[in-house]
N, C-alpha and C. Protein backbone atom coordinates (compact mmCIF):
# COMPACT_ATOMS: atom_id res chain seq x y z
N MET A 1 0.86 -1.18 0.00
CA MET A 1 -0.04 -0.01 0.01
C MET A 1 0.84 1.27 -0.05
N GLU A 2 0.40 2.27 -0.72
CA GLU A 2 1.21 3.48 -0.78
C GLU A 2 0.38 4.59 -0.31
N ILE A 3 0.88 5.26 0.70
CA ILE A 3 0.04 6.43 1.24
C ILE A 3 0.39 7.73 0.51
N ILE A 4 -0.64 8.24 -0.15
CA ILE A 4 -0.59 9.50 -0.90
C ILE A 4 -0.45 10.73 0.04
N LYS A 5 -1.28 10.84 1.00
CA LYS A 5 -1.27 11.95 2.02
C LYS A 5 -1.80 11.39 3.32
N HIS A 6 -0.97 11.78 4.25
CA HIS A 6 -1.38 11.34 5.64
C HIS A 6 -2.46 12.00 6.26
N GLY A 7 -3.33 11.45 6.96
CA GLY A 7 -4.46 12.24 7.54
C GLY A 7 -4.24 12.52 8.98
N THR A 8 -5.23 13.17 9.54
CA THR A 8 -5.00 13.41 11.10
C THR A 8 -6.18 12.61 11.80
N LEU A 9 -5.86 12.13 12.98
CA LEU A 9 -6.71 11.42 13.76
C LEU A 9 -7.73 12.35 14.49
N PRO A 10 -8.91 12.14 14.66
CA PRO A 10 -9.88 13.05 15.26
C PRO A 10 -9.49 13.13 16.77
N ASP A 11 -9.87 14.25 17.36
CA ASP A 11 -9.51 14.36 18.85
C ASP A 11 -10.70 13.74 19.53
N LYS A 12 -10.29 12.73 20.31
CA LYS A 12 -11.40 12.04 21.08
C LYS A 12 -11.47 12.56 22.56
N ARG A 13 -10.81 13.51 22.87
CA ARG A 13 -10.79 14.06 24.31
C ARG A 13 -12.20 14.76 24.47
N LYS A 14 -12.68 14.64 25.68
CA LYS A 14 -13.96 15.25 26.11
C LYS A 14 -13.73 16.27 27.23
N TYR A 15 -14.29 17.34 27.27
CA TYR A 15 -14.17 18.37 28.30
C TYR A 15 -15.37 18.13 29.23
N PHE A 16 -15.19 18.05 30.44
CA PHE A 16 -16.12 17.90 31.57
C PHE A 16 -16.08 19.04 32.45
N ILE A 17 -17.18 19.31 33.22
CA ILE A 17 -17.37 20.14 34.34
C ILE A 17 -17.95 19.49 35.35
N CYS A 18 -17.54 19.24 36.49
CA CYS A 18 -18.23 18.48 37.55
C CYS A 18 -19.25 19.34 38.32
N ASP A 19 -20.47 18.72 38.27
CA ASP A 19 -21.58 19.42 39.01
C ASP A 19 -21.46 19.57 40.48
N ASN A 20 -20.53 18.71 41.10
CA ASN A 20 -20.46 18.61 42.54
C ASN A 20 -19.41 19.68 42.97
N CYS A 21 -18.30 19.69 42.53
CA CYS A 21 -17.18 20.60 43.03
C CYS A 21 -16.80 21.71 41.94
N GLY A 22 -17.26 21.60 40.75
CA GLY A 22 -16.83 22.59 39.83
C GLY A 22 -15.53 22.40 39.04
N CYS A 23 -14.84 21.32 39.26
CA CYS A 23 -13.70 20.95 38.66
C CYS A 23 -13.88 20.90 37.12
N GLN A 24 -13.02 21.54 36.28
CA GLN A 24 -13.04 21.39 34.84
C GLN A 24 -11.81 20.64 34.34
N PHE A 25 -12.02 19.53 33.59
CA PHE A 25 -11.00 18.65 33.27
C PHE A 25 -11.27 18.15 31.83
N VAL A 26 -10.26 17.70 31.14
CA VAL A 26 -10.23 17.00 29.86
C VAL A 26 -9.93 15.49 30.01
N ALA A 27 -10.73 14.61 29.56
CA ALA A 27 -10.50 13.29 29.65
C ALA A 27 -10.23 12.68 28.34
N ASP A 28 -9.20 11.73 28.37
CA ASP A 28 -8.96 11.04 26.95
C ASP A 28 -10.02 9.94 26.86
N ALA A 29 -10.00 9.31 25.74
CA ALA A 29 -10.99 8.28 25.28
C ALA A 29 -10.93 7.04 26.24
N ALA A 30 -9.78 6.81 26.69
CA ALA A 30 -9.58 5.67 27.70
C ALA A 30 -10.12 5.95 29.00
N GLU A 31 -10.26 7.23 29.36
CA GLU A 31 -10.70 7.64 30.80
C GLU A 31 -12.23 7.74 30.85
N TYR A 32 -12.95 7.95 29.84
CA TYR A 32 -14.41 8.09 29.91
C TYR A 32 -15.18 7.02 29.41
N ARG A 33 -16.44 7.00 29.70
CA ARG A 33 -17.38 5.97 29.19
C ARG A 33 -18.30 6.56 28.14
N HIS A 34 -18.59 5.89 27.04
CA HIS A 34 -19.54 6.27 26.10
C HIS A 34 -20.71 5.48 26.04
N ASP A 35 -21.94 6.04 26.09
CA ASP A 35 -23.21 5.34 25.93
C ASP A 35 -24.06 6.02 25.03
N ILE A 36 -24.93 5.28 24.32
CA ILE A 36 -25.91 5.88 23.40
C ILE A 36 -27.30 5.44 23.90
N HIS A 37 -28.19 6.52 24.16
CA HIS A 37 -29.50 6.28 24.53
C HIS A 37 -30.48 7.15 23.74
N ARG A 38 -31.40 6.58 23.04
CA ARG A 38 -32.28 7.32 22.19
C ARG A 38 -31.75 8.26 21.22
N ASN A 39 -30.72 7.68 20.43
CA ASN A 39 -29.96 8.33 19.46
C ASN A 39 -29.12 9.58 19.99
N GLU A 40 -28.91 9.54 21.20
CA GLU A 40 -28.08 10.72 21.78
C GLU A 40 -26.90 10.17 22.49
N ASP A 41 -25.64 10.71 22.42
CA ASP A 41 -24.40 10.35 22.94
C ASP A 41 -24.33 10.95 24.31
N PHE A 42 -23.89 10.03 25.27
CA PHE A 42 -23.73 10.41 26.69
C PHE A 42 -22.24 9.81 27.04
N TYR A 43 -21.64 10.79 27.75
CA TYR A 43 -20.26 10.41 28.24
C TYR A 43 -20.17 10.60 29.69
N SER A 44 -19.54 9.65 30.44
CA SER A 44 -19.31 9.83 31.82
C SER A 44 -18.00 9.66 32.28
N CYS A 45 -17.44 10.24 33.36
CA CYS A 45 -16.17 10.12 33.70
C CYS A 45 -16.17 10.58 35.29
N LYS A 46 -15.13 9.90 35.99
CA LYS A 46 -15.01 10.18 37.39
C LYS A 46 -14.15 11.53 37.56
N CYS A 47 -14.61 12.42 38.33
CA CYS A 47 -14.02 13.66 38.65
C CYS A 47 -12.67 13.38 39.27
N PRO A 48 -11.60 13.94 38.80
CA PRO A 48 -10.25 13.69 39.46
C PRO A 48 -10.14 14.40 40.89
N ASP A 49 -11.00 15.38 41.18
CA ASP A 49 -10.96 15.97 42.54
C ASP A 49 -11.75 15.34 43.62
N CYS A 50 -13.10 15.28 43.31
CA CYS A 50 -13.92 14.79 44.22
C CYS A 50 -14.42 13.35 44.09
N GLY A 51 -14.16 12.70 42.86
CA GLY A 51 -14.52 11.30 42.66
C GLY A 51 -15.97 11.00 42.23
N LYS A 52 -16.69 12.13 42.17
CA LYS A 52 -18.05 11.87 41.74
C LYS A 52 -18.18 11.69 40.18
N SER A 53 -19.31 11.03 39.74
CA SER A 53 -19.46 10.89 38.30
C SER A 53 -19.94 12.07 37.52
N CYS A 54 -19.25 12.42 36.42
CA CYS A 54 -19.52 13.67 35.81
C CYS A 54 -20.16 13.04 34.37
N THR A 55 -21.22 13.79 33.91
CA THR A 55 -21.81 13.44 32.55
C THR A 55 -21.75 14.55 31.60
N LEU A 56 -21.61 14.09 30.33
CA LEU A 56 -21.80 15.06 29.27
C LEU A 56 -22.58 14.46 28.16
N GLU A 57 -23.52 15.33 27.72
CA GLU A 57 -24.54 14.99 26.66
C GLU A 57 -24.09 15.70 25.31
N GLU A 58 -24.10 15.03 24.30
CA GLU A 58 -23.87 15.66 22.94
C GLU A 58 -24.81 15.21 21.96
């Protein structure tokens, strides 16, 4: 196979804000969980400060 032009990988990091303590953080794909419910994407991750679960809806 011959590569004509290299592409760029999409950024899979997600930006979370904890509702419990207000911590703002970015999580890599290996650190958050992805669920699909009724054709909507939901992401959840453990807050690095307080340990509570943070959710993100896209």
